[in-house]
């Protein structure tokens, strides 16, 4: 008898009921994702998270009483491995940087396509950081300049071109466009494992910690 794979459990913290219901219905239509609880405010949301211990939390930033940034900071102090996706209807620079600095694993605008959000949840659950391409340029200011950054590494510091292969440049373009490993695999007609391997190689060669930094650095240095 085949054992059913464990679903990715999700808690939604969103004060607007219509958005909350829409997110729940859209996500629960995926057989591998299960919304186990939802809350209209962060205070009760934190209680639900303590109770259900979800894999992923969708956290609205514009919440009453305690805002999403404060809630994310509290969660990150308590749950180091919890995956948190910041949700907002705004693309303000200070909000983007604050969300990423608070410990969110991803930043999504609320008009994201439901199928895309499901892919983001899967990727974030697997340890990927993700930034909505519509606001990626706003994160540029959170990355140190090339001349001053220790994370740039010896290639940029010495003026040597980062040695990406032709295929890795293709993957990088898709990465900058905000595509998940699954979407990159479909575009390049390769396995998800191969796409993930290319992304890991890119991160190593670019001397960055995650795909958000890679995308920002690629745009900043005119690599794509």
N, C-alpha and C. Protein backbone atom coordinates (compact mmCIF):
# COMPACT_ATOMS: atom_id res chain seq x y z
N UNK A 1 0.85 -1.19 0.00
CA UNK A 1 0.00 0.00 0.00
C UNK A 1 0.88 1.25 0.00
N UNK A 2 0.61 2.18 -0.91
CA UNK A 2 1.45 3.36 -1.06
C UNK A 2 1.12 4.37 0.04
N UNK A 3 2.16 4.90 0.69
CA UNK A 3 1.97 5.87 1.76
C UNK A 3 1.80 7.27 1.18
N UNK A 4 0.79 7.97 1.64
CA UNK A 4 0.52 9.33 1.17
C UNK A 4 1.56 10.28 1.73
N UNK A 5 2.11 11.13 0.87
CA UNK A 5 3.11 12.09 1.32
C UNK A 5 2.47 13.14 2.21
N UNK A 6 3.23 13.62 3.18
CA UNK A 6 2.74 14.63 4.12
C UNK A 6 2.51 15.96 3.40
N UNK A 7 1.38 16.57 3.65
CA UNK A 7 1.07 17.87 3.06
C UNK A 7 1.89 18.97 3.74
N UNK A 8 2.11 20.06 3.03
CA UNK A 8 2.74 21.24 3.61
C UNK A 8 1.65 21.98 4.37
N UNK A 9 1.81 22.11 5.68
CA UNK A 9 0.79 22.77 6.48
C UNK A 9 1.03 24.28 6.52
N UNK A 10 -0.06 25.02 6.38
CA UNK A 10 0.02 26.49 6.26
C UNK A 10 -0.96 27.16 7.21
N UNK A 11 -0.53 28.27 7.79
CA UNK A 11 -1.43 29.13 8.56
C UNK A 11 -1.45 30.50 7.89
N UNK A 12 -2.64 31.05 7.71
CA UNK A 12 -2.82 32.35 7.08
C UNK A 12 -3.16 33.39 8.14
N UNK A 13 -2.38 34.49 8.19
CA UNK A 13 -2.68 35.59 9.10
C UNK A 13 -2.96 36.81 8.23
N UNK A 14 -4.23 37.16 8.12
CA UNK A 14 -4.70 38.20 7.19
C UNK A 14 -5.98 38.81 7.74
N UNK A 15 -6.04 40.14 7.84
CA UNK A 15 -7.19 40.77 8.47
C UNK A 15 -8.40 40.94 7.54
N UNK A 16 -8.19 40.88 6.24
CA UNK A 16 -9.30 41.06 5.30
C UNK A 16 -9.92 39.71 4.99
N UNK A 17 -11.17 39.52 5.41
CA UNK A 17 -11.81 38.20 5.33
C UNK A 17 -11.86 37.66 3.91
N UNK A 18 -12.21 38.50 2.94
CA UNK A 18 -12.33 38.03 1.56
C UNK A 18 -11.00 37.50 1.04
N UNK A 19 -9.92 38.20 1.37
CA UNK A 19 -8.58 37.74 0.96
C UNK A 19 -8.24 36.43 1.66
N UNK A 20 -8.58 36.35 2.93
CA UNK A 20 -8.30 35.15 3.72
C UNK A 20 -9.00 33.92 3.14
N UNK A 21 -10.28 34.10 2.84
CA UNK A 21 -11.07 32.99 2.28
C UNK A 21 -10.54 32.60 0.91
N UNK A 22 -10.20 33.61 0.10
CA UNK A 22 -9.68 33.33 -1.23
C UNK A 22 -8.37 32.56 -1.18
N UNK A 23 -7.48 32.95 -0.28
CA UNK A 23 -6.21 32.26 -0.13
C UNK A 23 -6.42 30.82 0.32
N UNK A 24 -7.30 30.64 1.30
CA UNK A 24 -7.56 29.29 1.81
C UNK A 24 -8.10 28.36 0.73
N UNK A 25 -9.09 28.86 -0.02
CA UNK A 25 -9.69 28.03 -1.08
C UNK A 25 -8.68 27.70 -2.17
N UNK A 26 -7.89 28.71 -2.57
CA UNK A 26 -6.91 28.50 -3.63
C UNK A 26 -5.83 27.51 -3.21
N UNK A 27 -5.34 27.65 -1.99
CA UNK A 27 -4.26 26.78 -1.52
C UNK A 27 -4.75 25.36 -1.25
N UNK A 28 -5.94 25.23 -0.69
CA UNK A 28 -6.47 23.90 -0.39
C UNK A 28 -6.83 23.11 -1.65
N UNK A 29 -6.84 23.77 -2.79
CA UNK A 29 -7.10 23.06 -4.04
C UNK A 29 -5.88 22.27 -4.50
N UNK A 30 -4.74 22.50 -3.83
CA UNK A 30 -3.51 21.75 -4.11
C UNK A 30 -3.43 20.56 -3.17
N UNK A 31 -3.29 19.35 -3.71
CA UNK A 31 -3.28 18.15 -2.85
C UNK A 31 -2.13 18.08 -1.86
N UNK A 32 -1.06 18.84 -2.12
CA UNK A 32 0.11 18.78 -1.24
C UNK A 32 0.19 19.95 -0.27
N UNK A 33 -0.86 20.79 -0.22
CA UNK A 33 -0.87 21.94 0.68
C UNK A 33 -2.15 21.93 1.49
N UNK A 34 -2.03 22.16 2.80
CA UNK A 34 -3.21 22.17 3.67
C UNK A 34 -3.19 23.37 4.60
N UNK A 35 -4.21 24.21 4.51
CA UNK A 35 -4.36 25.34 5.43
C UNK A 35 -4.98 24.80 6.71
N UNK A 36 -4.21 24.83 7.81
CA UNK A 36 -4.68 24.23 9.06
C UNK A 36 -5.34 25.24 9.99
N UNK A 37 -5.11 26.53 9.75
CA UNK A 37 -5.73 27.56 10.58
C UNK A 37 -5.56 28.91 9.90
N UNK A 38 -6.40 29.87 10.33
CA UNK A 38 -6.30 31.23 9.80
C UNK A 38 -6.71 32.20 10.90
N UNK A 39 -6.16 33.41 10.82
CA UNK A 39 -6.45 34.41 11.84
C UNK A 39 -6.53 35.79 11.20
N UNK A 40 -7.35 36.66 11.80
CA UNK A 40 -7.50 38.02 11.29
C UNK A 40 -6.54 38.99 11.95
N UNK A 41 -5.77 38.53 12.93
CA UNK A 41 -4.80 39.40 13.58
C UNK A 41 -3.59 38.59 14.03
N UNK A 42 -2.49 39.29 14.29
CA UNK A 42 -1.23 38.62 14.62
C UNK A 42 -1.25 37.98 16.00
N UNK A 43 -1.95 38.60 16.95
CA UNK A 43 -1.96 38.08 18.31
C UNK A 43 -2.54 36.67 18.35
N UNK A 44 -3.71 36.49 17.73
CA UNK A 44 -4.29 35.15 17.67
C UNK A 44 -3.51 34.25 16.71
N UNK A 45 -2.95 34.87 15.67
CA UNK A 45 -2.14 34.11 14.72
C UNK A 45 -0.96 33.44 15.41
N UNK A 46 -0.30 34.16 16.30
CA UNK A 46 0.83 33.60 17.03
C UNK A 46 0.39 32.42 17.89
N UNK A 47 -0.81 32.52 18.47
CA UNK A 47 -1.34 31.43 19.29
C UNK A 47 -1.59 30.18 18.44
N UNK A 48 -2.16 30.39 17.24
CA UNK A 48 -2.42 29.27 16.34
C UNK A 48 -1.11 28.61 15.91
N UNK A 49 -0.10 29.43 15.67
CA UNK A 49 1.20 28.90 15.25
C UNK A 49 1.80 28.05 16.37
N UNK A 50 1.67 28.52 17.62
CA UNK A 50 2.15 27.73 18.77
C UNK A 50 1.39 26.41 18.88
N UNK A 51 0.12 26.44 18.53
CA UNK A 51 -0.72 25.24 18.67
C UNK A 51 -0.50 24.23 17.56
N UNK A 52 -0.45 24.71 16.30
CA UNK A 52 -0.42 23.79 15.16
C UNK A 52 0.98 23.54 14.59
N UNK A 53 1.95 24.40 14.90
CA UNK A 53 3.32 24.26 14.40
C UNK A 53 3.33 24.00 12.88
N UNK A 54 2.87 24.96 12.10
CA UNK A 54 2.80 24.78 10.64
C UNK A 54 4.18 24.78 9.99
N UNK A 55 4.22 24.32 8.75
CA UNK A 55 5.47 24.39 7.99
C UNK A 55 5.72 25.80 7.48
N UNK A 56 4.63 26.46 7.04
CA UNK A 56 4.73 27.78 6.41
C UNK A 56 3.65 28.70 6.98
N UNK A 57 4.02 29.97 7.19
CA UNK A 57 3.06 30.99 7.62
C UNK A 57 2.97 32.07 6.56
N UNK A 58 1.74 32.40 6.14
CA UNK A 58 1.51 33.55 5.27
C UNK A 58 1.14 34.71 6.16
N UNK A 59 1.99 35.72 6.25
CA UNK A 59 1.80 36.82 7.19
C UNK A 59 1.55 38.14 6.48
N UNK A 60 0.33 38.64 6.62
CA UNK A 60 0.02 39.97 6.10
C UNK A 60 0.82 40.99 6.91
N UNK A 61 1.31 42.03 6.26
CA UNK A 61 2.10 43.04 6.98
C UNK A 61 1.23 44.13 7.59
N UNK A 62 0.11 44.44 6.95
CA UNK A 62 -0.75 45.52 7.43
C UNK A 62 -1.82 45.04 8.38
N UNK A 63 -1.44 44.55 9.55
CA UNK A 63 -2.38 44.00 10.52
C UNK A 63 -2.67 44.99 11.65
N UNK A 64 -3.86 44.92 12.26
CA UNK A 64 -4.18 45.79 13.39
C UNK A 64 -3.46 45.34 14.65
N UNK A 65 -3.34 46.24 15.62
CA UNK A 65 -2.72 45.98 16.93
C UNK A 65 -1.23 45.67 16.80
N UNK A 66 -0.90 44.49 16.36
CA UNK A 66 0.50 44.12 16.11
C UNK A 66 0.67 43.92 14.61
N UNK A 67 1.58 44.69 13.98
CA UNK A 67 1.73 44.54 12.53
C UNK A 67 2.54 43.29 12.18
N UNK A 68 2.55 42.98 10.89
CA UNK A 68 3.20 41.76 10.44
C UNK A 68 4.70 41.72 10.69
N UNK A 69 5.36 42.87 10.59
CA UNK A 69 6.81 42.92 10.83
C UNK A 69 7.11 42.53 12.27
N UNK A 70 6.36 43.10 13.21
CA UNK A 70 6.56 42.77 14.62
C UNK A 70 6.32 41.28 14.87
N UNK A 71 5.27 40.75 14.24
CA UNK A 71 4.93 39.33 14.42
C UNK A 71 6.03 38.43 13.87
N UNK A 72 6.58 38.80 12.71
CA UNK A 72 7.65 38.00 12.10
C UNK A 72 8.88 37.97 13.00
N UNK A 73 9.21 39.13 13.57
CA UNK A 73 10.37 39.21 14.47
C UNK A 73 10.17 38.30 15.68
N UNK A 74 8.97 38.33 16.26
CA UNK A 74 8.67 37.48 17.41
C UNK A 74 8.76 36.00 17.03
N UNK A 75 8.22 35.67 15.86
CA UNK A 75 8.26 34.28 15.41
C UNK A 75 9.69 33.81 15.16
N UNK A 76 10.49 34.67 14.55
CA UNK A 76 11.86 34.28 14.22
C UNK A 76 12.68 34.06 15.48
N UNK A 77 12.39 34.82 16.53
CA UNK A 77 13.11 34.62 17.80
C UNK A 77 12.78 33.27 18.42
N UNK A 78 11.55 32.81 18.19
CA UNK A 78 11.07 31.58 18.82
C UNK A 78 11.26 30.35 17.94
N UNK A 79 11.04 30.52 16.63
CA UNK A 79 11.10 29.40 15.70
C UNK A 79 12.12 29.70 14.59
N UNK A 80 13.31 29.23 14.76
CA UNK A 80 14.39 29.54 13.82
C UNK A 80 14.14 28.93 12.43
N UNK A 81 13.48 27.78 12.39
CA UNK A 81 13.31 27.07 11.11
C UNK A 81 11.94 27.28 10.47
N UNK A 82 11.06 28.03 11.10
CA UNK A 82 9.74 28.27 10.54
C UNK A 82 9.85 29.07 9.24
N UNK A 83 9.12 28.67 8.21
CA UNK A 83 9.15 29.38 6.94
C UNK A 83 8.05 30.43 6.93
N UNK A 84 8.42 31.68 6.67
CA UNK A 84 7.47 32.79 6.74
C UNK A 84 7.45 33.54 5.41
N UNK A 85 6.25 33.69 4.87
CA UNK A 85 6.07 34.46 3.63
C UNK A 85 5.32 35.74 3.98
N UNK A 86 5.94 36.88 3.73
CA UNK A 86 5.31 38.17 3.97
C UNK A 86 4.38 38.51 2.81
N UNK A 87 3.16 38.89 3.13
CA UNK A 87 2.17 39.25 2.12
C UNK A 87 1.78 40.71 2.27
N UNK A 88 1.70 41.43 1.17
CA UNK A 88 1.30 42.83 1.24
C UNK A 88 0.71 43.28 -0.09
N UNK A 89 -0.07 44.34 -0.03
CA UNK A 89 -0.62 44.91 -1.25
C UNK A 89 0.22 46.10 -1.69
N UNK A 90 1.27 46.39 -0.92
CA UNK A 90 2.13 47.54 -1.23
C UNK A 90 3.51 47.09 -1.72
N UNK A 91 4.20 48.00 -2.40
CA UNK A 91 5.56 47.71 -2.83
C UNK A 91 6.50 48.84 -2.40
N UNK A 92 6.28 49.31 -1.17
CA UNK A 92 7.12 50.39 -0.65
C UNK A 92 8.49 49.85 -0.26
N UNK A 93 9.51 50.62 -0.60
CA UNK A 93 10.89 50.19 -0.35
C UNK A 93 11.15 49.84 1.11
N UNK A 94 10.72 50.73 2.03
CA UNK A 94 11.00 50.49 3.44
C UNK A 94 10.31 49.23 3.95
N UNK A 95 9.13 48.93 3.39
CA UNK A 95 8.40 47.74 3.83
C UNK A 95 9.08 46.47 3.33
N UNK A 96 9.57 46.50 2.10
CA UNK A 96 10.27 45.35 1.54
C UNK A 96 11.51 45.02 2.36
N UNK A 97 12.32 46.04 2.60
CA UNK A 97 13.57 45.83 3.33
C UNK A 97 13.30 45.42 4.78
N UNK A 98 12.26 46.03 5.39
CA UNK A 98 11.92 45.69 6.77
C UNK A 98 11.47 44.23 6.87
N UNK A 99 10.68 43.78 5.90
CA UNK A 99 10.19 42.40 5.92
C UNK A 99 11.35 41.41 5.79
N UNK A 100 12.26 41.68 4.86
CA UNK A 100 13.40 40.79 4.67
C UNK A 100 14.34 40.81 5.87
N UNK A 101 14.51 42.01 6.45
CA UNK A 101 15.39 42.14 7.61
C UNK A 101 14.81 41.48 8.85
N UNK A 102 13.49 41.40 8.91
CA UNK A 102 12.83 40.82 10.09
C UNK A 102 12.97 39.30 10.13
N UNK A 103 13.30 38.72 9.00
CA UNK A 103 13.47 37.27 8.97
C UNK A 103 12.51 36.53 8.07
N UNK A 104 11.74 37.26 7.25
CA UNK A 104 10.83 36.60 6.31
C UNK A 104 11.64 35.85 5.25
N UNK A 105 11.14 34.70 4.83
CA UNK A 105 11.82 33.90 3.81
C UNK A 105 11.41 34.32 2.40
N UNK A 106 10.29 35.03 2.30
CA UNK A 106 9.80 35.45 0.99
C UNK A 106 8.92 36.69 1.15
N UNK A 107 8.81 37.44 0.06
CA UNK A 107 7.99 38.65 0.05
C UNK A 107 7.12 38.60 -1.19
N UNK A 108 5.80 38.55 -1.00
CA UNK A 108 4.86 38.44 -2.12
C UNK A 108 3.83 39.56 -2.11
N UNK A 109 3.53 40.07 -3.27
CA UNK A 109 2.40 40.99 -3.39
C UNK A 109 1.13 40.16 -3.44
N UNK A 110 0.04 40.71 -2.92
CA UNK A 110 -1.20 39.95 -2.81
C UNK A 110 -1.87 39.63 -4.14
N UNK A 111 -1.45 40.30 -5.19
CA UNK A 111 -2.05 40.00 -6.49
C UNK A 111 -1.31 38.87 -7.22
N UNK A 112 -0.45 38.17 -6.48
CA UNK A 112 0.28 37.04 -7.06
C UNK A 112 -0.71 35.98 -7.54
N UNK A 113 -0.39 35.34 -8.66
CA UNK A 113 -1.23 34.27 -9.18
C UNK A 113 -1.27 33.12 -8.17
N UNK A 114 -2.46 32.56 -7.90
CA UNK A 114 -2.57 31.48 -6.91
C UNK A 114 -1.65 30.29 -7.17
N UNK A 115 -1.49 29.91 -8.44
CA UNK A 115 -0.60 28.80 -8.76
C UNK A 115 0.85 29.16 -8.45
N UNK A 116 1.20 30.41 -8.71
CA UNK A 116 2.55 30.87 -8.42
C UNK A 116 2.79 30.87 -6.91
N UNK A 117 1.79 31.30 -6.14
CA UNK A 117 1.92 31.31 -4.69
C UNK A 117 2.13 29.90 -4.16
N UNK A 118 1.41 28.95 -4.73
CA UNK A 118 1.58 27.55 -4.31
C UNK A 118 3.02 27.09 -4.58
N UNK A 119 3.58 27.48 -5.74
CA UNK A 119 4.97 27.13 -6.05
C UNK A 119 5.93 27.79 -5.07
N UNK A 120 5.65 29.05 -4.72
CA UNK A 120 6.50 29.76 -3.76
C UNK A 120 6.48 29.05 -2.41
N UNK A 121 5.29 28.62 -1.98
CA UNK A 121 5.17 27.90 -0.72
C UNK A 121 6.00 26.62 -0.75
N UNK A 122 5.93 25.89 -1.87
CA UNK A 122 6.71 24.65 -1.98
C UNK A 122 8.21 24.94 -1.92
N UNK A 123 8.64 25.97 -2.66
CA UNK A 123 10.07 26.30 -2.69
C UNK A 123 10.55 26.79 -1.32
N UNK A 124 9.77 27.67 -0.70
CA UNK A 124 10.15 28.20 0.61
C UNK A 124 10.20 27.07 1.64
N UNK A 125 9.26 26.15 1.55
CA UNK A 125 9.26 24.99 2.45
C UNK A 125 10.53 24.15 2.29
N UNK A 126 11.11 24.19 1.07
CA UNK A 126 12.34 23.44 0.80
C UNK A 126 13.60 24.26 1.05
N UNK A 127 13.43 25.45 1.64
CA UNK A 127 14.59 26.24 2.02
C UNK A 127 14.97 27.36 1.07
N UNK A 128 14.13 27.63 0.07
CA UNK A 128 14.43 28.68 -0.90
C UNK A 128 13.93 30.03 -0.39
N UNK A 129 14.69 31.09 -0.62
CA UNK A 129 14.22 32.45 -0.36
C UNK A 129 13.65 33.00 -1.66
N UNK A 130 12.58 33.78 -1.59
CA UNK A 130 11.93 34.26 -2.81
C UNK A 130 11.47 35.70 -2.64
N UNK A 131 11.67 36.50 -3.66
CA UNK A 131 11.26 37.90 -3.66
C UNK A 131 10.48 38.19 -4.92
N UNK A 132 9.29 38.76 -4.77
CA UNK A 132 8.45 39.08 -5.92
C UNK A 132 9.24 39.94 -6.90
N UNK A 133 9.32 39.53 -8.17
CA UNK A 133 10.11 40.29 -9.15
C UNK A 133 9.64 41.73 -9.33
N UNK A 134 8.37 42.02 -8.98
CA UNK A 134 7.85 43.37 -9.11
C UNK A 134 8.51 44.34 -8.12
N UNK A 135 9.10 43.79 -7.04
CA UNK A 135 9.72 44.67 -6.05
C UNK A 135 11.20 44.34 -5.85
N UNK A 136 11.73 43.45 -6.66
CA UNK A 136 13.13 43.03 -6.49
C UNK A 136 14.09 44.22 -6.55
N UNK A 137 13.78 45.18 -7.42
CA UNK A 137 14.70 46.32 -7.56
C UNK A 137 14.78 47.16 -6.28
N UNK A 138 13.73 47.08 -5.44
CA UNK A 138 13.74 47.85 -4.20
C UNK A 138 14.72 47.28 -3.18
N UNK A 139 15.06 46.01 -3.35
CA UNK A 139 15.99 45.37 -2.42
C UNK A 139 17.44 45.72 -2.75
N UNK A 140 17.67 46.39 -3.86
CA UNK A 140 19.03 46.76 -4.25
C UNK A 140 19.74 47.54 -3.15
N UNK A 141 18.98 48.41 -2.48
CA UNK A 141 19.59 49.26 -1.47
C UNK A 141 19.96 48.48 -0.21
N UNK A 142 19.44 47.27 -0.08
CA UNK A 142 19.77 46.45 1.09
C UNK A 142 21.04 45.64 0.86
N UNK A 143 21.55 45.67 -0.38
CA UNK A 143 22.78 44.95 -0.71
C UNK A 143 23.92 45.95 -0.81
N UNK A 144 25.02 45.74 -0.12
CA UNK A 144 26.14 46.67 -0.17
C UNK A 144 26.66 46.87 -1.60
N UNK A 145 27.25 48.04 -1.85
CA UNK A 145 27.82 48.31 -3.17
C UNK A 145 28.97 47.35 -3.46
N UNK A 146 29.23 47.12 -4.73
CA UNK A 146 30.25 46.16 -5.14
C UNK A 146 31.61 46.49 -4.55
N UNK A 147 31.97 47.77 -4.52
CA UNK A 147 33.29 48.14 -4.05
C UNK A 147 33.48 47.91 -2.56
N UNK A 148 32.33 47.91 -1.82
CA UNK A 148 32.44 47.83 -0.37
C UNK A 148 32.01 46.49 0.20
N UNK A 149 31.39 45.66 -0.60
CA UNK A 149 30.76 44.45 -0.05
C UNK A 149 31.74 43.31 0.13
N UNK A 150 31.73 42.75 1.32
CA UNK A 150 32.58 41.58 1.58
C UNK A 150 32.01 40.36 0.89
N UNK A 151 30.64 40.37 0.67
CA UNK A 151 30.02 39.17 0.10
C UNK A 151 30.25 39.04 -1.40
N UNK A 152 30.78 40.07 -2.01
CA UNK A 152 30.96 40.01 -3.45
C UNK A 152 32.01 38.98 -3.84
N UNK A 153 33.04 38.86 -3.02
CA UNK A 153 34.03 37.82 -3.29
C UNK A 153 35.15 38.28 -4.20
N UNK A 154 36.10 37.41 -4.42
CA UNK A 154 37.31 37.78 -5.13
C UNK A 154 37.07 38.06 -6.60
N UNK A 155 36.04 37.45 -7.21
CA UNK A 155 35.81 37.67 -8.64
C UNK A 155 35.50 39.12 -8.94
N UNK A 156 34.52 39.69 -8.20
CA UNK A 156 34.14 41.08 -8.45
C UNK A 156 35.23 42.03 -7.97
N UNK A 157 35.84 41.70 -6.83
CA UNK A 157 36.86 42.58 -6.26
C UNK A 157 38.06 42.70 -7.19
N UNK A 158 38.36 41.66 -7.92
CA UNK A 158 39.52 41.70 -8.80
C UNK A 158 39.17 42.07 -10.22
N UNK A 159 37.84 42.33 -10.44
CA UNK A 159 37.41 42.71 -11.78
C UNK A 159 37.26 41.53 -12.71
N UNK A 160 37.35 40.30 -12.18
CA UNK A 160 37.23 39.11 -13.00
C UNK A 160 35.75 38.76 -13.18
N UNK A 161 35.37 38.45 -14.40
CA UNK A 161 33.98 38.10 -14.68
C UNK A 161 33.61 36.82 -13.96
N UNK A 162 32.41 36.82 -13.35
CA UNK A 162 31.95 35.62 -12.64
C UNK A 162 31.76 34.50 -13.66
N UNK A 163 32.43 33.35 -13.47
CA UNK A 163 32.50 32.29 -14.48
C UNK A 163 31.26 31.40 -14.55
N UNK A 164 30.12 31.96 -14.96
CA UNK A 164 28.92 31.15 -15.14
C UNK A 164 28.93 30.50 -16.52
N UNK A 165 28.40 29.31 -16.59
CA UNK A 165 28.28 28.65 -17.89
C UNK A 165 27.10 29.24 -18.64
N UNK A 166 26.98 28.92 -19.92
CA UNK A 166 25.87 29.43 -20.73
C UNK A 166 24.53 28.99 -20.15
N UNK A 167 24.46 27.75 -19.70
CA UNK A 167 23.24 27.24 -19.10
C UNK A 167 22.92 27.96 -17.80
N UNK A 168 23.96 28.23 -17.01
CA UNK A 168 23.75 28.94 -15.74
C UNK A 168 23.25 30.35 -15.96
N UNK A 169 23.70 31.00 -17.04
CA UNK A 169 23.18 32.32 -17.37
C UNK A 169 21.69 32.24 -17.72
N UNK A 170 21.29 31.17 -18.40
CA UNK A 170 19.87 30.97 -18.71
C UNK A 170 19.07 30.83 -17.42
N UNK A 171 19.59 30.02 -16.51
CA UNK A 171 18.92 29.81 -15.23
C UNK A 171 18.85 31.12 -14.44
N UNK A 172 19.94 31.89 -14.48
CA UNK A 172 19.99 33.17 -13.76
C UNK A 172 18.91 34.13 -14.26
N UNK A 173 18.69 34.16 -15.57
CA UNK A 173 17.66 35.03 -16.13
C UNK A 173 16.29 34.65 -15.59
N UNK A 174 16.02 33.36 -15.51
CA UNK A 174 14.74 32.90 -14.97
C UNK A 174 14.65 33.20 -13.47
N UNK A 175 15.78 33.07 -12.78
CA UNK A 175 15.82 33.34 -11.36
C UNK A 175 15.50 34.81 -11.09
N UNK A 176 16.08 35.70 -11.89
CA UNK A 176 15.81 37.14 -11.76
C UNK A 176 14.34 37.44 -12.02
N UNK A 177 13.72 36.66 -12.90
CA UNK A 177 12.31 36.85 -13.23
C UNK A 177 11.39 36.31 -12.13
N UNK A 178 11.98 35.76 -11.08
CA UNK A 178 11.21 35.29 -9.95
C UNK A 178 10.64 33.89 -10.10
N UNK A 179 11.18 33.12 -11.04
CA UNK A 179 10.64 31.78 -11.27
C UNK A 179 11.19 30.78 -10.26
N UNK A 180 10.35 29.84 -9.89
CA UNK A 180 10.74 28.80 -8.94
C UNK A 180 11.59 27.74 -9.64
N UNK A 181 12.17 26.84 -8.87
CA UNK A 181 12.95 25.75 -9.45
C UNK A 181 12.09 24.89 -10.38
N UNK A 182 10.84 24.68 -9.99
CA UNK A 182 9.92 23.90 -10.80
C UNK A 182 9.66 24.57 -12.15
N UNK A 183 9.45 25.89 -12.11
CA UNK A 183 9.19 26.64 -13.35
C UNK A 183 10.43 26.68 -14.23
N UNK A 184 11.60 26.83 -13.61
CA UNK A 184 12.86 26.84 -14.38
C UNK A 184 13.05 25.49 -15.06
N UNK A 185 12.75 24.43 -14.35
CA UNK A 185 12.89 23.09 -14.91
C UNK A 185 11.99 22.91 -16.13
N UNK A 186 10.76 23.42 -16.04
CA UNK A 186 9.83 23.32 -17.16
C UNK A 186 10.32 24.13 -18.36
N UNK A 187 10.84 25.32 -18.10
CA UNK A 187 11.33 26.20 -19.17
C UNK A 187 12.50 25.58 -19.91
N UNK A 188 13.40 24.95 -19.16
CA UNK A 188 14.63 24.40 -19.75
C UNK A 188 14.51 22.92 -20.10
N UNK A 189 13.35 22.34 -19.80
CA UNK A 189 13.09 20.92 -20.06
C UNK A 189 14.16 20.05 -19.40
N UNK A 190 14.32 20.27 -18.09
CA UNK A 190 15.23 19.46 -17.28
C UNK A 190 14.48 19.06 -16.01
N UNK A 191 15.08 18.22 -15.20
CA UNK A 191 14.45 17.82 -13.95
C UNK A 191 14.57 18.95 -12.93
N UNK A 192 13.70 18.91 -11.93
CA UNK A 192 13.76 19.91 -10.86
C UNK A 192 15.09 19.78 -10.12
N UNK A 193 15.57 18.56 -9.97
CA UNK A 193 16.86 18.33 -9.31
C UNK A 193 17.99 19.03 -10.07
N UNK A 194 17.96 18.94 -11.40
CA UNK A 194 18.99 19.60 -12.22
C UNK A 194 18.89 21.11 -12.09
N UNK A 195 17.66 21.64 -12.13
CA UNK A 195 17.46 23.08 -11.99
C UNK A 195 18.00 23.56 -10.64
N UNK A 196 17.71 22.81 -9.60
CA UNK A 196 18.17 23.16 -8.26
C UNK A 196 19.70 23.13 -8.19
N UNK A 197 20.31 22.16 -8.86
CA UNK A 197 21.77 22.06 -8.87
C UNK A 197 22.40 23.27 -9.55
N UNK A 198 21.77 23.73 -10.66
CA UNK A 198 22.26 24.92 -11.36
C UNK A 198 22.17 26.15 -10.46
N UNK A 199 21.04 26.27 -9.74
CA UNK A 199 20.86 27.41 -8.85
C UNK A 199 21.91 27.40 -7.74
N UNK A 200 22.17 26.24 -7.17
CA UNK A 200 23.19 26.12 -6.12
C UNK A 200 24.58 26.50 -6.63
N UNK A 201 24.88 26.08 -7.85
CA UNK A 201 26.16 26.43 -8.46
C UNK A 201 26.27 27.93 -8.68
N UNK A 202 25.18 28.55 -9.12
CA UNK A 202 25.16 29.99 -9.35
C UNK A 202 25.41 30.75 -8.05
N UNK A 203 24.73 30.33 -6.99
CA UNK A 203 24.90 31.00 -5.70
C UNK A 203 26.35 30.92 -5.22
N UNK A 204 26.94 29.75 -5.42
CA UNK A 204 28.33 29.56 -5.00
C UNK A 204 29.27 30.45 -5.80
N UNK A 205 29.10 30.47 -7.12
CA UNK A 205 29.99 31.26 -7.98
C UNK A 205 29.81 32.77 -7.78
N UNK A 206 28.59 33.18 -7.44
CA UNK A 206 28.32 34.61 -7.25
C UNK A 206 28.61 35.06 -5.82
N UNK A 207 28.98 34.09 -4.96
CA UNK A 207 29.34 34.39 -3.56
C UNK A 207 28.18 35.06 -2.83
N UNK A 208 26.98 34.51 -2.99
CA UNK A 208 25.81 35.02 -2.28
C UNK A 208 25.16 33.88 -1.51
N UNK A 209 24.27 34.24 -0.60
CA UNK A 209 23.67 33.24 0.29
C UNK A 209 22.37 32.65 -0.22
N UNK A 210 21.64 33.39 -1.04
CA UNK A 210 20.35 32.90 -1.50
C UNK A 210 20.00 33.51 -2.86
N UNK A 211 18.88 33.06 -3.45
CA UNK A 211 18.50 33.48 -4.79
C UNK A 211 18.06 34.94 -4.85
N UNK A 212 17.60 35.49 -3.72
CA UNK A 212 17.24 36.90 -3.69
C UNK A 212 18.49 37.76 -3.90
N UNK A 213 19.54 37.44 -3.15
CA UNK A 213 20.80 38.18 -3.30
C UNK A 213 21.37 37.98 -4.71
N UNK A 214 21.23 36.77 -5.24
CA UNK A 214 21.74 36.50 -6.59
C UNK A 214 21.01 37.35 -7.62
N UNK A 215 19.68 37.44 -7.50
CA UNK A 215 18.88 38.22 -8.44
C UNK A 215 19.23 39.70 -8.36
N UNK A 216 19.34 40.19 -7.13
CA UNK A 216 19.67 41.61 -6.93
C UNK A 216 21.05 41.93 -7.47
N UNK A 217 22.02 41.05 -7.19
CA UNK A 217 23.39 41.28 -7.65
C UNK A 217 23.46 41.21 -9.18
N UNK A 218 22.72 40.28 -9.77
CA UNK A 218 22.72 40.13 -11.24
C UNK A 218 22.21 41.39 -11.92
N UNK A 219 21.14 41.96 -11.36
CA UNK A 219 20.57 43.19 -11.92
C UNK A 219 21.53 44.37 -11.71
N UNK A 220 22.08 44.44 -10.51
CA UNK A 220 22.96 45.56 -10.15
C UNK A 220 24.22 45.57 -11.01
N UNK A 221 24.75 44.38 -11.33
CA UNK A 221 26.00 44.32 -12.08
C UNK A 221 25.77 44.11 -13.58
N UNK A 222 24.52 44.21 -14.00
CA UNK A 222 24.22 44.10 -15.44
C UNK A 222 24.51 42.76 -16.04
N UNK A 223 24.35 41.70 -15.26
CA UNK A 223 24.64 40.36 -15.76
C UNK A 223 23.51 39.82 -16.62
N UNK A 224 22.32 40.37 -16.48
CA UNK A 224 21.18 39.92 -17.27
C UNK A 224 20.46 41.13 -17.88
